[in-house]
Amino acid sequence: MSIRDTRAGFTQAKFNDDASSFVIFEILVIAVAFGIGMQSWWWGGGIFLGGMIVMVTPILNILFCLAMTAAWAVAGFHIGEAIDQEGANYVIAILAGLISLGAHLGAIEWAEDMGAKD
């Protein structure tokens, strides 16, 4: 294995670790919102625990990735509408969707790496 391959692998692992922190933050925000909305610690804790289980479950993490990517794209679209410039809503929606897709795919790869058995 060359130094270049080792460096590339380390860089990818660091990116995936950072992406997993982003996704865990998303899950935490969703859990807090549900907990406050339902006025229950049980709901908040259950949503957080469920979100963490979803992240390590192979099929569910892909569905979560797609749903959260769509949510970021919709949020970007609404931000673009608030700017009230022609085309801003589409450009921001596409950028937000692509950035979040990259982060979510990195988090899925991180979860797979953490569960890998050598």
PDB file of N, CA and C in Angstrom:
ATOM      1  N   MET A   1       0.849  -1.174   0.000  1.00  0.00           N
ATOM      2  CA  MET A   1       0.000   0.000   0.000  1.00  0.00           C
ATOM      3  C   MET A   1       0.895   1.238   0.000  1.00  0.00           C
ATOM      4  N   SER A   2       0.599   2.159  -0.872  1.00  0.00           N
ATOM      5  CA  SER A   2       1.435   3.348  -1.006  1.00  0.00           C
ATOM      6  C   SER A   2       1.030   4.422   0.007  1.00  0.00           C
ATOM      7  N   ILE A   3       1.887   5.390   0.148  1.00  0.00           N
ATOM      8  CA  ILE A   3       1.608   6.508   1.046  1.00  0.00           C
ATOM      9  C   ILE A   3       0.391   7.276   0.556  1.00  0.00           C
ATOM     10  N   ARG A   4       0.256   7.415  -0.742  1.00  0.00           N
ATOM     11  CA  ARG A   4      -0.882   8.134  -1.317  1.00  0.00           C
ATOM     12  C   ARG A   4      -2.202   7.445  -0.961  1.00  0.00           C
ATOM     13  N   ASP A   5      -2.235   6.113  -1.049  1.00  0.00           N
ATOM     14  CA  ASP A   5      -3.444   5.370  -0.685  1.00  0.00           C
ATOM     15  C   ASP A   5      -3.758   5.513   0.801  1.00  0.00           C
ATOM     16  N   THR A   6      -2.733   5.475   1.609  1.00  0.00           N
ATOM     17  CA  THR A   6      -2.920   5.631   3.054  1.00  0.00           C
ATOM     18  C   THR A   6      -3.455   7.017   3.376  1.00  0.00           C
ATOM     19  N   ARG A   7      -2.881   8.029   2.755  1.00  0.00           N
ATOM     20  CA  ARG A   7      -3.334   9.405   2.967  1.00  0.00           C
ATOM     21  C   ARG A   7      -4.774   9.581   2.499  1.00  0.00           C
ATOM     22  N   ALA A   8      -5.117   9.028   1.342  1.00  0.00           N
ATOM     23  CA  ALA A   8      -6.481   9.136   0.827  1.00  0.00           C
ATOM     24  C   ALA A   8      -7.469   8.437   1.761  1.00  0.00           C
ATOM     25  N   GLY A   9      -7.095   7.280   2.256  1.00  0.00           N
ATOM     26  CA  GLY A   9      -7.963   6.560   3.187  1.00  0.00           C
ATOM     27  C   GLY A   9      -8.157   7.316   4.481  1.00  0.00           C
ATOM     28  N   PHE A  10      -7.095   7.905   4.997  1.00  0.00           N
ATOM     29  CA  PHE A  10      -7.190   8.686   6.233  1.00  0.00           C
ATOM     30  C   PHE A  10      -8.069   9.913   6.022  1.00  0.00           C
ATOM     31  N   THR A  11      -7.899  10.591   4.890  1.00  0.00           N
ATOM     32  CA  THR A  11      -8.707  11.776   4.586  1.00  0.00           C
ATOM     33  C   THR A  11     -10.179  11.408   4.471  1.00  0.00           C
ATOM     34  N   GLN A  12     -10.475  10.295   3.803  1.00  0.00           N
ATOM     35  CA  GLN A  12     -11.852   9.849   3.663  1.00  0.00           C
ATOM     36  C   GLN A  12     -12.448   9.489   5.018  1.00  0.00           C
ATOM     37  N   ALA A  13     -11.676   8.828   5.861  1.00  0.00           N
ATOM     38  CA  ALA A  13     -12.155   8.460   7.193  1.00  0.00           C
ATOM     39  C   ALA A  13     -12.442   9.706   8.030  1.00  0.00           C
ATOM     40  N   LYS A  14     -11.604  10.718   7.915  1.00  0.00           N
ATOM     41  CA  LYS A  14     -11.822  11.968   8.651  1.00  0.00           C
ATOM     42  C   LYS A  14     -13.090  12.653   8.161  1.00  0.00           C
ATOM     43  N   PHE A  15     -13.300  12.692   6.843  1.00  0.00           N
ATOM     44  CA  PHE A  15     -14.520  13.287   6.288  1.00  0.00           C
ATOM     45  C   PHE A  15     -15.749  12.536   6.788  1.00  0.00           C
ATOM     46  N   ASN A  16     -15.698  11.210   6.767  1.00  0.00           N
ATOM     47  CA  ASN A  16     -16.835  10.408   7.218  1.00  0.00           C
ATOM     48  C   ASN A  16     -17.124  10.634   8.694  1.00  0.00           C
ATOM     49  N   ASP A  17     -16.077  10.804   9.492  1.00  0.00           N
ATOM     50  CA  ASP A  17     -16.260  11.074  10.914  1.00  0.00           C
ATOM     51  C   ASP A  17     -16.942  12.425  11.117  1.00  0.00           C
ATOM     52  N   ASP A  18     -16.515  13.432  10.364  1.00  0.00           N
ATOM     53  CA  ASP A  18     -17.150  14.752  10.449  1.00  0.00           C
ATOM     54  C   ASP A  18     -18.603  14.686   9.979  1.00  0.00           C
ATOM     55  N   ALA A  19     -18.857  13.931   8.917  1.00  0.00           N
ATOM     56  CA  ALA A  19     -20.219  13.793   8.395  1.00  0.00           C
ATOM     57  C   ALA A  19     -21.119  13.103   9.413  1.00  0.00           C
ATOM     58  N   SER A  20     -20.577  12.136  10.133  1.00  0.00           N
ATOM     59  CA  SER A  20     -21.395  11.447  11.132  1.00  0.00           C
ATOM     60  C   SER A  20     -21.775  12.408  12.252  1.00  0.00           C
ATOM     61  N   SER A  21     -20.893  13.337  12.602  1.00  0.00           N
ATOM     62  CA  SER A  21     -21.219  14.338  13.622  1.00  0.00           C
ATOM     63  C   SER A  21     -22.371  15.221  13.152  1.00  0.00           C
ATOM     64  N   PHE A  22     -22.386  15.574  11.882  1.00  0.00           N
ATOM     65  CA  PHE A  22     -23.470  16.373  11.298  1.00  0.00           C
ATOM     66  C   PHE A  22     -24.795  15.621  11.386  1.00  0.00           C
ATOM     67  N   VAL A  23     -24.789  14.344  11.048  1.00  0.00           N
ATOM     68  CA  VAL A  23     -26.016  13.550  11.071  1.00  0.00           C
ATOM     69  C   VAL A  23     -26.493  13.322  12.507  1.00  0.00           C
ATOM     70  N   ILE A  24     -25.565  13.099  13.422  1.00  0.00           N
ATOM     71  CA  ILE A  24     -25.954  12.948  14.827  1.00  0.00           C
ATOM     72  C   ILE A  24     -26.571  14.255  15.332  1.00  0.00           C
ATOM     73  N   PHE A  25     -26.038  15.389  14.904  1.00  0.00           N
ATOM     74  CA  PHE A  25     -26.626  16.680  15.265  1.00  0.00           C
ATOM     75  C   PHE A  25     -28.041  16.807  14.701  1.00  0.00           C
ATOM     76  N   GLU A  26     -28.245  16.378  13.455  1.00  0.00           N
ATOM     77  CA  GLU A  26     -29.590  16.399  12.870  1.00  0.00           C
ATOM     78  C   GLU A  26     -30.560  15.554  13.695  1.00  0.00           C
ATOM     79  N   ILE A  27     -30.125  14.364  14.058  1.00  0.00           N
ATOM     80  CA  ILE A  27     -30.974  13.479  14.851  1.00  0.00           C
ATOM     81  C   ILE A  27     -31.278  14.124  16.201  1.00  0.00           C
ATOM     82  N   LEU A  28     -30.287  14.757  16.802  1.00  0.00           N
ATOM     83  CA  LEU A  28     -30.482  15.421  18.087  1.00  0.00           C
ATOM     84  C   LEU A  28     -31.496  16.563  17.970  1.00  0.00           C
ATOM     85  N   VAL A  29     -31.399  17.355  16.918  1.00  0.00           N
ATOM     86  CA  VAL A  29     -32.336  18.463  16.716  1.00  0.00           C
ATOM     87  C   VAL A  29     -33.757  17.924  16.531  1.00  0.00           C
ATOM     88  N   ILE A  30     -33.899  16.859  15.749  1.00  0.00           N
ATOM     89  CA  ILE A  30     -35.219  16.257  15.548  1.00  0.00           C
ATOM     90  C   ILE A  30     -35.764  15.728  16.870  1.00  0.00           C
ATOM     91  N   ALA A  31     -34.911  15.079  17.660  1.00  0.00           N
ATOM     92  CA  ALA A  31     -35.342  14.532  18.945  1.00  0.00           C
ATOM     93  C   ALA A  31     -35.766  15.639  19.907  1.00  0.00           C
ATOM     94  N   VAL A  32     -34.991  16.719  19.970  1.00  0.00           N
ATOM     95  CA  VAL A  32     -35.340  17.840  20.846  1.00  0.00           C
ATOM     96  C   VAL A  32     -36.655  18.474  20.396  1.00  0.00           C
ATOM     97  N   ALA A  33     -36.823  18.643  19.096  1.00  0.00           N
ATOM     98  CA  ALA A  33     -38.063  19.232  18.583  1.00  0.00           C
ATOM     99  C   ALA A  33     -39.270  18.366  18.944  1.00  0.00           C
ATOM    100  N   PHE A  34     -39.148  17.053  18.770  1.00  0.00           N
ATOM    101  CA  PHE A  34     -40.249  16.165  19.145  1.00  0.00           C
ATOM    102  C   PHE A  34     -40.472  16.176  20.651  1.00  0.00           C
ATOM    103  N   GLY A  35     -39.399  16.163  21.421  1.00  0.00           N
ATOM    104  CA  GLY A  35     -39.527  16.185  22.873  1.00  0.00           C
ATOM    105  C   GLY A  35     -40.221  17.429  23.374  1.00  0.00           C
ATOM    106  N   ILE A  36     -39.839  18.577  22.816  1.00  0.00           N
ATOM    107  CA  ILE A  36     -40.481  19.832  23.210  1.00  0.00           C
ATOM    108  C   ILE A  36     -41.923  19.867  22.711  1.00  0.00           C
ATOM    109  N   GLY A  37     -42.130  19.437  21.471  1.00  0.00           N
ATOM    110  CA  GLY A  37     -43.477  19.444  20.905  1.00  0.00           C
ATOM    111  C   GLY A  37     -44.441  18.540  21.661  1.00  0.00           C
ATOM    112  N   MET A  38     -43.956  17.395  22.072  1.00  0.00           N
ATOM    113  CA  MET A  38     -44.807  16.452  22.804  1.00  0.00           C
ATOM    114  C   MET A  38     -44.742  16.686  24.315  1.00  0.00           C
ATOM    115  N   GLN A  39     -43.868  17.606  24.748  1.00  0.00           N
ATOM    116  CA  GLN A  39     -43.647  17.910  26.156  1.00  0.00           C
ATOM    117  C   GLN A  39     -43.335  16.648  26.953  1.00  0.00           C
ATOM    118  N   SER A  40     -42.400  15.869  26.409  1.00  0.00           N
ATOM    119  CA  SER A  40     -42.050  14.600  27.036  1.00  0.00           C
ATOM    120  C   SER A  40     -40.589  14.263  26.776  1.00  0.00           C
ATOM    121  N   TRP A  41     -39.874  13.968  27.850  1.00  0.00           N
ATOM    122  CA  TRP A  41     -38.507  13.485  27.721  1.00  0.00           C
ATOM    123  C   TRP A  41     -38.490  12.123  27.047  1.00  0.00           C
ATOM    124  N   TRP A  42     -39.519  11.323  27.283  1.00  0.00           N
ATOM    125  CA  TRP A  42     -39.585   9.982  26.705  1.00  0.00           C
ATOM    126  C   TRP A  42     -39.609  10.044  25.181  1.00  0.00           C
ATOM    127  N   TRP A  43     -40.401  10.957  24.630  1.00  0.00           N
ATOM    128  CA  TRP A  43     -40.447  11.104  23.172  1.00  0.00           C
ATOM    129  C   TRP A  43     -39.093  11.535  22.628  1.00  0.00           C
ATOM    130  N   GLY A  44     -38.494  12.533  23.262  1.00  0.00           N
ATOM    131  CA  GLY A  44     -37.195  13.017  22.797  1.00  0.00           C
ATOM    132  C   GLY A  44     -36.130  11.936  22.857  1.00  0.00           C
ATOM    133  N   GLY A  45     -36.067  11.229  23.977  1.00  0.00           N
ATOM    134  CA  GLY A  45     -35.085  10.152  24.117  1.00  0.00           C
ATOM    135  C   GLY A  45     -35.344   9.006  23.164  1.00  0.00           C
ATOM    136  N   GLY A  46     -36.619   8.673  22.976  1.00  0.00           N
ATOM    137  CA  GLY A  46     -36.976   7.593  22.055  1.00  0.00           C
ATOM    138  C   GLY A  46     -36.644   7.924  20.613  1.00  0.00           C
ATOM    139  N   ILE A  47     -36.910   9.162  20.224  1.00  0.00           N
ATOM    140  CA  ILE A  47     -36.579   9.592  18.858  1.00  0.00           C
ATOM    141  C   ILE A  47     -35.065   9.580  18.661  1.00  0.00           C
ATOM    142  N   PHE A  48     -34.307  10.045  19.665  1.00  0.00           N
ATOM    143  CA  PHE A  48     -32.855  10.040  19.545  1.00  0.00           C
ATOM    144  C   PHE A  48     -32.321   8.610  19.440  1.00  0.00           C
ATOM    145  N   LEU A  49     -32.783   7.734  20.310  1.00  0.00           N
ATOM    146  CA  LEU A  49     -32.337   6.340  20.271  1.00  0.00           C
ATOM    147  C   LEU A  49     -32.741   5.679  18.953  1.00  0.00           C
ATOM    148  N   GLY A  50     -33.976   5.925  18.525  1.00  0.00           N
ATOM    149  CA  GLY A  50     -34.430   5.376  17.246  1.00  0.00           C
ATOM    150  C   GLY A  50     -33.612   5.891  16.075  1.00  0.00           C
ATOM    151  N   GLY A  51     -33.257   7.171  16.102  1.00  0.00           N
ATOM    152  CA  GLY A  51     -32.438   7.743  15.039  1.00  0.00           C
ATOM    153  C   GLY A  51     -31.056   7.126  14.982  1.00  0.00           C
ATOM    154  N   MET A  52     -30.494   6.855  16.150  1.00  0.00           N
ATOM    155  CA  MET A  52     -29.171   6.224  16.181  1.00  0.00           C
ATOM    156  C   MET A  52     -29.244   4.782  15.675  1.00  0.00           C
ATOM    157  N   ILE A  53     -30.325   4.085  15.990  1.00  0.00           N
ATOM    158  CA  ILE A  53     -30.504   2.720  15.479  1.00  0.00           C
ATOM    159  C   ILE A  53     -30.689   2.747  13.965  1.00  0.00           C
ATOM    160  N   VAL A  54     -31.442   3.724  13.481  1.00  0.00           N
ATOM    161  CA  VAL A  54     -31.639   3.861  12.030  1.00  0.00           C
ATOM    162  C   VAL A  54     -30.304   4.066  11.330  1.00  0.00           C
ATOM    163  N   MET A  55     -29.396   4.840  11.932  1.00  0.00           N
ATOM    164  CA  MET A  55     -28.110   5.121  11.285  1.00  0.00           C
ATOM    165  C   MET A  55     -27.239   3.880  11.118  1.00  0.00           C
ATOM    166  N   VAL A  56     -27.420   2.861  11.940  1.00  0.00           N
ATOM    167  CA  VAL A  56     -26.586   1.663  11.818  1.00  0.00           C
ATOM    168  C   VAL A  56     -27.332   0.496  11.176  1.00  0.00           C
ATOM    169  N   THR A  57     -28.580   0.724  10.751  1.00  0.00           N
ATOM    170  CA  THR A  57     -29.357  -0.310  10.076  1.00  0.00           C
ATOM    171  C   THR A  57     -29.239  -0.092   8.570  1.00  0.00           C
ATOM    172  N   PRO A  58     -28.739  -1.093   7.830  1.00  0.00           N
ATOM    173  CA  PRO A  58     -28.380  -0.880   6.428  1.00  0.00           C
ATOM    174  C   PRO A  58     -29.449  -0.266   5.522  1.00  0.00           C
ATOM    175  N   ILE A  59     -30.636  -0.750   5.496  1.00  0.00           N
ATOM    176  CA  ILE A  59     -31.637  -0.205   4.565  1.00  0.00           C
ATOM    177  C   ILE A  59     -32.222   1.098   5.105  1.00  0.00           C
ATOM    178  N   LEU A  60     -32.472   1.138   6.395  1.00  0.00           N
ATOM    179  CA  LEU A  60     -33.092   2.322   6.988  1.00  0.00           C
ATOM    180  C   LEU A  60     -32.202   3.552   6.892  1.00  0.00           C
ATOM    181  N   ASN A  61     -30.884   3.370   6.982  1.00  0.00           N
ATOM    182  CA  ASN A  61     -30.014   4.548   6.914  1.00  0.00           C
ATOM    183  C   ASN A  61     -30.037   5.175   5.516  1.00  0.00           C
ATOM    184  N   ILE A  62     -30.250   4.377   4.503  1.00  0.00           N
ATOM    185  CA  ILE A  62     -30.365   4.925   3.140  1.00  0.00           C
ATOM    186  C   ILE A  62     -31.658   5.724   3.008  1.00  0.00           C
ATOM    187  N   LEU A  63     -32.753   5.190   3.546  1.00  0.00           N
ATOM    188  CA  LEU A  63     -34.033   5.905   3.501  1.00  0.00           C
ATOM    189  C   LEU A  63     -33.953   7.206   4.303  1.00  0.00           C
ATOM    190  N   PHE A  64     -33.300   7.150   5.469  1.00  0.00           N
ATOM    191  CA  PHE A  64     -33.108   8.355   6.273  1.00  0.00           C
ATOM    192  C   PHE A  64     -32.267   9.368   5.511  1.00  0.00           C
ATOM    193  N   CYS A  65     -31.230   8.898   4.839  1.00  0.00           N
ATOM    194  CA  CYS A  65     -30.365   9.760   4.033  1.00  0.00           C
ATOM    195  C   CYS A  65     -31.171  10.486   2.961  1.00  0.00           C
ATOM    196  N   LEU A  66     -32.002   9.750   2.259  1.00  0.00           N
ATOM    197  CA  LEU A  66     -32.810  10.357   1.195  1.00  0.00           C
ATOM    198  C   LEU A  66     -33.821  11.347   1.758  1.00  0.00           C
ATOM    199  N   ALA A  67     -34.462  10.991   2.875  1.00  0.00           N
ATOM    200  CA  ALA A  67     -35.460  11.878   3.470  1.00  0.00           C
ATOM    201  C   ALA A  67     -34.829  13.181   3.968  1.00  0.00           C
ATOM    202  N   MET A  68     -33.692  13.079   4.640  1.00  0.00           N
ATOM    203  CA  MET A  68     -33.042  14.284   5.157  1.00  0.00           C
ATOM    204  C   MET A  68     -32.431  15.123   4.036  1.00  0.00           C
ATOM    205  N   THR A  69     -31.963  14.481   2.979  1.00  0.00           N
ATOM    206  CA  THR A  69     -31.461  15.230   1.819  1.00  0.00           C
ATOM    207  C   THR A  69     -32.601  16.014   1.189  1.00  0.00           C
ATOM    208  N   ALA A  70     -33.760  15.373   1.051  1.00  0.00           N
ATOM    209  CA  ALA A  70     -34.933  16.072   0.509  1.00  0.00           C
ATOM    210  C   ALA A  70     -35.346  17.225   1.422  1.00  0.00           C
ATOM    211  N   ALA A  71     -35.275  17.010   2.736  1.00  0.00           N
ATOM    212  CA  ALA A  71     -35.644  18.073   3.677  1.00  0.00           C
ATOM    213  C   ALA A  71     -34.716  19.276   3.545  1.00  0.00           C
ATOM    214  N   TRP A  72     -33.416  19.022   3.391  1.00  0.00           N
ATOM    215  CA  TRP A  72     -32.468  20.123   3.213  1.00  0.00           C
ATOM    216  C   TRP A  72     -32.702  20.841   1.884  1.00  0.00           C
ATOM    217  N   ALA A  73     -33.046  20.086   0.843  1.00  0.00           N
ATOM    218  CA  ALA A  73     -33.323  20.708  -0.452  1.00  0.00           C
ATOM    219  C   ALA A  73     -34.573  21.591  -0.371  1.00  0.00           C
ATOM    220  N   VAL A  74     -35.597  21.109   0.325  1.00  0.00           N
ATOM    221  CA  VAL A  74     -36.828  21.908   0.494  1.00  0.00           C
ATOM    222  C   VAL A  74     -36.521  23.162   1.316  1.00  0.00           C
ATOM    223  N   ALA A  75     -35.727  23.008   2.372  1.00  0.00           N
ATOM    224  CA  ALA A  75     -35.347  24.176   3.169  1.00  0.00           C
ATOM    225  C   ALA A  75     -34.570  25.178   2.318  1.00  0.00           C
ATOM    226  N   GLY A  76     -33.666  24.693   1.483  1.00  0.00           N
ATOM    227  CA  GLY A  76     -32.922  25.564   0.586  1.00  0.00           C
ATOM    228  C   GLY A  76     -33.827  26.275  -0.403  1.00  0.00           C
ATOM    229  N   PHE A  77     -34.845  25.562  -0.890  1.00  0.00           N
ATOM    230  CA  PHE A  77     -35.808  26.164  -1.815  1.00  0.00           C
ATOM    231  C   PHE A  77     -36.548  27.317  -1.149  1.00  0.00           C
ATOM    232  N   HIS A  78     -36.971  27.111   0.102  1.00  0.00           N
ATOM    233  CA  HIS A  78     -37.703  28.163   0.814  1.00  0.00           C
ATOM    234  C   HIS A  78     -36.797  29.337   1.166  1.00  0.00           C
ATOM    235  N   ILE A  79     -35.547  29.070   1.468  1.00  0.00           N
ATOM    236  CA  ILE A  79     -34.599  30.162   1.700  1.00  0.00           C
ATOM    237  C   ILE A  79     -34.412  30.967   0.420  1.00  0.00           C
ATOM    238  N   GLY A  80     -34.309  30.264  -0.708  1.00  0.00           N
ATOM    239  CA  GLY A  80     -34.179  30.946  -1.994  1.00  0.00           C
ATOM    240  C   GLY A  80     -35.400  31.780  -2.338  1.00  0.00           C
ATOM    241  N   GLU A  81     -36.585  31.296  -1.978  1.00  0.00           N
ATOM    242  CA  GLU A  81     -37.796  32.088  -2.199  1.00  0.00           C
ATOM    243  C   GLU A  81     -37.797  33.344  -1.340  1.00  0.00           C
ATOM    244  N   ALA A  82     -37.282  33.237  -0.121  1.00  0.00           N
ATOM    245  CA  ALA A  82     -37.235  34.393   0.772  1.00  0.00           C
ATOM    246  C   ALA A  82     -36.291  35.464   0.241  1.00  0.00           C
ATOM    247  N   ILE A  83     -35.255  35.051  -0.472  1.00  0.00           N
ATOM    248  CA  ILE A  83     -34.311  36.013  -1.057  1.00  0.00           C
ATOM    249  C   ILE A  83     -34.994  36.812  -2.164  1.00  0.00           C
ATOM    250  N   ASP A  84     -35.942  36.172  -2.837  1.00  0.00           N
ATOM    251  CA  ASP A  84     -36.757  36.811  -3.872  1.00  0.00           C
ATOM    252  C   ASP A  84     -35.930  37.253  -5.083  1.00  0.00           C
ATOM    253  N   GLN A  85     -34.991  36.409  -5.483  1.00  0.00           N
ATOM    254  CA  GLN A  85     -34.224  36.634  -6.705  1.00  0.00           C
ATOM    255  C   GLN A  85     -34.556  35.506  -7.678  1.00  0.00           C
ATOM    256  N   GLU A  86     -34.607  35.796  -8.945  1.00  0.00           N
ATOM    257  CA  GLU A  86     -34.969  34.797  -9.935  1.00  0.00           C
ATOM    258  C   GLU A  86     -33.947  33.665  -9.967  1.00  0.00           C
ATOM    259  N   GLY A  87     -34.414  32.456  -9.788  1.00  0.00           N
ATOM    260  CA  GLY A  87     -33.576  31.270  -9.845  1.00  0.00           C
ATOM    261  C   GLY A  87     -32.858  30.930  -8.557  1.00  0.00           C
ATOM    262  N   ALA A  88     -32.886  31.825  -7.579  1.00  0.00           N
ATOM    263  CA  ALA A  88     -32.158  31.562  -6.328  1.00  0.00           C
ATOM    264  C   ALA A  88     -32.718  30.345  -5.612  1.00  0.00           C
ATOM    265  N   ASN A  89     -34.037  30.173  -5.667  1.00  0.00           N
ATOM    266  CA  ASN A  89     -34.640  29.040  -4.954  1.00  0.00           C
ATOM    267  C   ASN A  89     -34.141  27.709  -5.510  1.00  0.00           C
ATOM    268  N   TYR A  90     -34.013  27.597  -6.825  1.00  0.00           N
ATOM    269  CA  TYR A  90     -33.551  26.341  -7.418  1.00  0.00           C
ATOM    270  C   TYR A  90     -32.054  26.103  -7.159  1.00  0.00           C
ATOM    271  N   VAL A  91     -31.276  27.154  -7.290  1.00  0.00           N
ATOM    272  CA  VAL A  91     -29.828  27.017  -7.084  1.00  0.00           C
ATOM    273  C   VAL A  91     -29.526  26.632  -5.641  1.00  0.00           C
ATOM    274  N   ILE A  92     -30.154  27.310  -4.693  1.00  0.00           N
ATOM    275  CA  ILE A  92     -29.908  27.010  -3.281  1.00  0.00           C
ATOM    276  C   ILE A  92     -30.442  25.633  -2.931  1.00  0.00           C
ATOM    277  N   ALA A  93     -31.584  25.249  -3.483  1.00  0.00           N
ATOM    278  CA  ALA A  93     -32.135  23.916  -3.222  1.00  0.00           C
ATOM    279  C   ALA A  93     -31.201  22.825  -3.736  1.00  0.00           C
ATOM    280  N   ILE A  94     -30.667  22.995  -4.934  1.00  0.00           N
ATOM    281  CA  ILE A  94     -29.757  22.005  -5.500  1.00  0.00           C
ATOM    282  C   ILE A  94     -28.467  21.932  -4.684  1.00  0.00           C
ATOM    283  N   LEU A  95     -27.902  23.085  -4.334  1.00  0.00           N
ATOM    284  CA  LEU A  95     -26.670  23.097  -3.535  1.00  0.00           C
ATOM    285  C   LEU A  95     -26.887  22.467  -2.160  1.00  0.00           C
ATOM    286  N   ALA A  96     -27.975  22.831  -1.491  1.00  0.00           N
ATOM    287  CA  ALA A  96     -28.262  22.264  -0.165  1.00  0.00           C
ATOM    288  C   ALA A  96     -28.473  20.759  -0.267  1.00  0.00           C
ATOM    289  N   GLY A  97     -29.176  20.328  -1.307  1.00  0.00           N
ATOM    290  CA  GLY A  97     -29.411  18.898  -1.497  1.00  0.00           C
ATOM    291  C   GLY A  97     -28.125  18.133  -1.753  1.00  0.00           C
ATOM    292  N   LEU A  98     -27.263  18.658  -2.603  1.00  0.00           N
ATOM    293  CA  LEU A  98     -26.008  17.963  -2.915  1.00  0.00           C
ATOM    294  C   LEU A  98     -25.050  17.940  -1.726  1.00  0.00           C
ATOM    295  N   ILE A  99     -24.954  19.056  -1.012  1.00  0.00           N
ATOM    296  CA  ILE A  99     -24.073  19.091   0.156  1.00  0.00           C
ATOM    297  C   ILE A  99     -24.557  18.117   1.218  1.00  0.00           C
ATOM    298  N   SER A 100     -25.864  18.124   1.485  1.00  0.00           N
ATOM    299  CA  SER A 100     -26.384  17.211   2.512  1.00  0.00           C
ATOM    300  C   SER A 100     -26.298  15.762   2.050  1.00  0.00           C
ATOM    301  N   LEU A 101     -26.463  15.511   0.760  1.00  0.00           N
ATOM    302  CA  LEU A 101     -26.325  14.148   0.256  1.00  0.00           C
ATOM    303  C   LEU A 101     -24.907  13.633   0.490  1.00  0.00           C
ATOM    304  N   GLY A 102     -23.912  14.465   0.210  1.00  0.00           N
ATOM    305  CA  GLY A 102     -22.530  14.069   0.458  1.00  0.00           C
ATOM    306  C   GLY A 102     -22.272  13.783   1.929  1.00  0.00           C
ATOM    307  N   ALA A 103     -22.807  14.630   2.803  1.00  0.00           N
ATOM    308  CA  ALA A 103     -22.628  14.420   4.243  1.00  0.00           C
ATOM    309  C   ALA A 103     -23.324  13.148   4.701  1.00  0.00           C
ATOM    310  N   HIS A 104     -24.527  12.910   4.204  1.00  0.00           N
ATOM    311  CA  HIS A 104     -25.266  11.718   4.619  1.00  0.00           C
ATOM    312  C   HIS A 104     -24.618  10.438   4.094  1.00  0.00           C
ATOM    313  N   LEU A 105     -24.130  10.469   2.878  1.00  0.00           N
ATOM    314  CA  LEU A 105     -23.447   9.280   2.354  1.00  0.00           C
ATOM    315  C   LEU A 105     -22.155   9.013   3.130  1.00  0.00           C
ATOM    316  N   GLY A 106     -21.453  10.068   3.522  1.00  0.00           N
ATOM    317  CA  GLY A 106     -20.264   9.896   4.352  1.00  0.00           C
ATOM    318  C   GLY A 106     -20.605   9.302   5.708  1.00  0.00           C
ATOM    319  N   ALA A 107     -21.730   9.725   6.278  1.00  0.00           N
ATOM    320  CA  ALA A 107     -22.154   9.180   7.573  1.00  0.00           C
ATOM    321  C   ALA A 107     -22.544   7.712   7.448  1.00  0.00           C
ATOM    322  N   ILE A 108     -23.164   7.339   6.331  1.00  0.00           N
ATOM    323  CA  ILE A 108     -23.505   5.929   6.117  1.00  0.00           C
ATOM    324  C   ILE A 108     -22.227   5.105   6.021  1.00  0.00           C
ATOM    325  N   GLU A 109     -21.239   5.613   5.287  1.00  0.00           N
ATOM    326  CA  GLU A 109     -19.963   4.904   5.170  1.00  0.00           C
ATOM    327  C   GLU A 109     -19.280   4.793   6.523  1.00  0.00           C
ATOM    328  N   TRP A 110     -19.367   5.841   7.342  1.00  0.00           N
ATOM    329  CA  TRP A 110     -18.793   5.806   8.692  1.00  0.00           C
ATOM    330  C   TRP A 110     -19.475   4.724   9.528  1.00  0.00           C
ATOM    331  N   ALA A 111     -20.816   4.661   9.452  1.00  0.00           N
ATOM    332  CA  ALA A 111     -21.551   3.645  10.220  1.00  0.00           C
ATOM    333  C   ALA A 111     -21.159   2.241   9.772  1.00  0.00           C
ATOM    334  N   GLU A 112     -20.970   2.052   8.464  1.00  0.00           N
ATOM    335  CA  GLU A 112     -20.533   0.761   7.956  1.00  0.00           C
ATOM    336  C   GLU A 112     -19.124   0.427   8.449  1.00  0.00           C
ATOM    337  N   ASP A 113     -18.249   1.427   8.468  1.00  0.00           N
ATOM    338  CA  ASP A 113     -16.877   1.206   8.956  1.00  0.00           C
ATOM    339  C   ASP A 113     -16.875   0.827  10.434  1.00  0.00           C
ATOM    340  N   MET A 114     -17.735   1.463  11.218  1.00  0.00           N
ATOM    341  CA  MET A 114     -17.785   1.175  12.651  1.00  0.00           C
ATOM    342  C   MET A 114     -18.317  -0.240  12.918  1.00  0.00           C
ATOM    343  N   GLY A 115     -19.179  -0.727  12.014  1.00  0.00           N
ATOM    344  CA  GLY A 115     -19.741  -2.052  12.195  1.00  0.00           C
ATOM    345  C   GLY A 115     -18.978  -3.152  11.495  1.00  0.00           C
ATOM    346  N   ALA A 116     -17.914  -2.792  10.776  1.00  0.00           N
ATOM    347  CA  ALA A 116     -17.140  -3.774  10.013  1.00  0.00           C
ATOM    348  C   ALA A 116     -16.342  -4.676  10.953  1.00  0.00           C
ATOM    349  N   LYS A 117     -16.324  -5.935  10.608  1.00  0.00           N
ATOM    350  CA  LYS A 117     -15.549  -6.911  11.376  1.00  0.00           C
ATOM    351  C   LYS A 117     -14.428  -7.438  10.475  1.00  0.00           C
ATOM    352  N   ASP A 118     -13.223  -7.293  10.938  1.00  0.00           N
ATOM    353  CA  ASP A 118     -12.082  -7.751  10.136  1.00  0.00           C
ATOM    354  C   ASP A 118     -11.687  -9.162  10.506  1.00  0.00           C
TER     355      ASP A 118
END
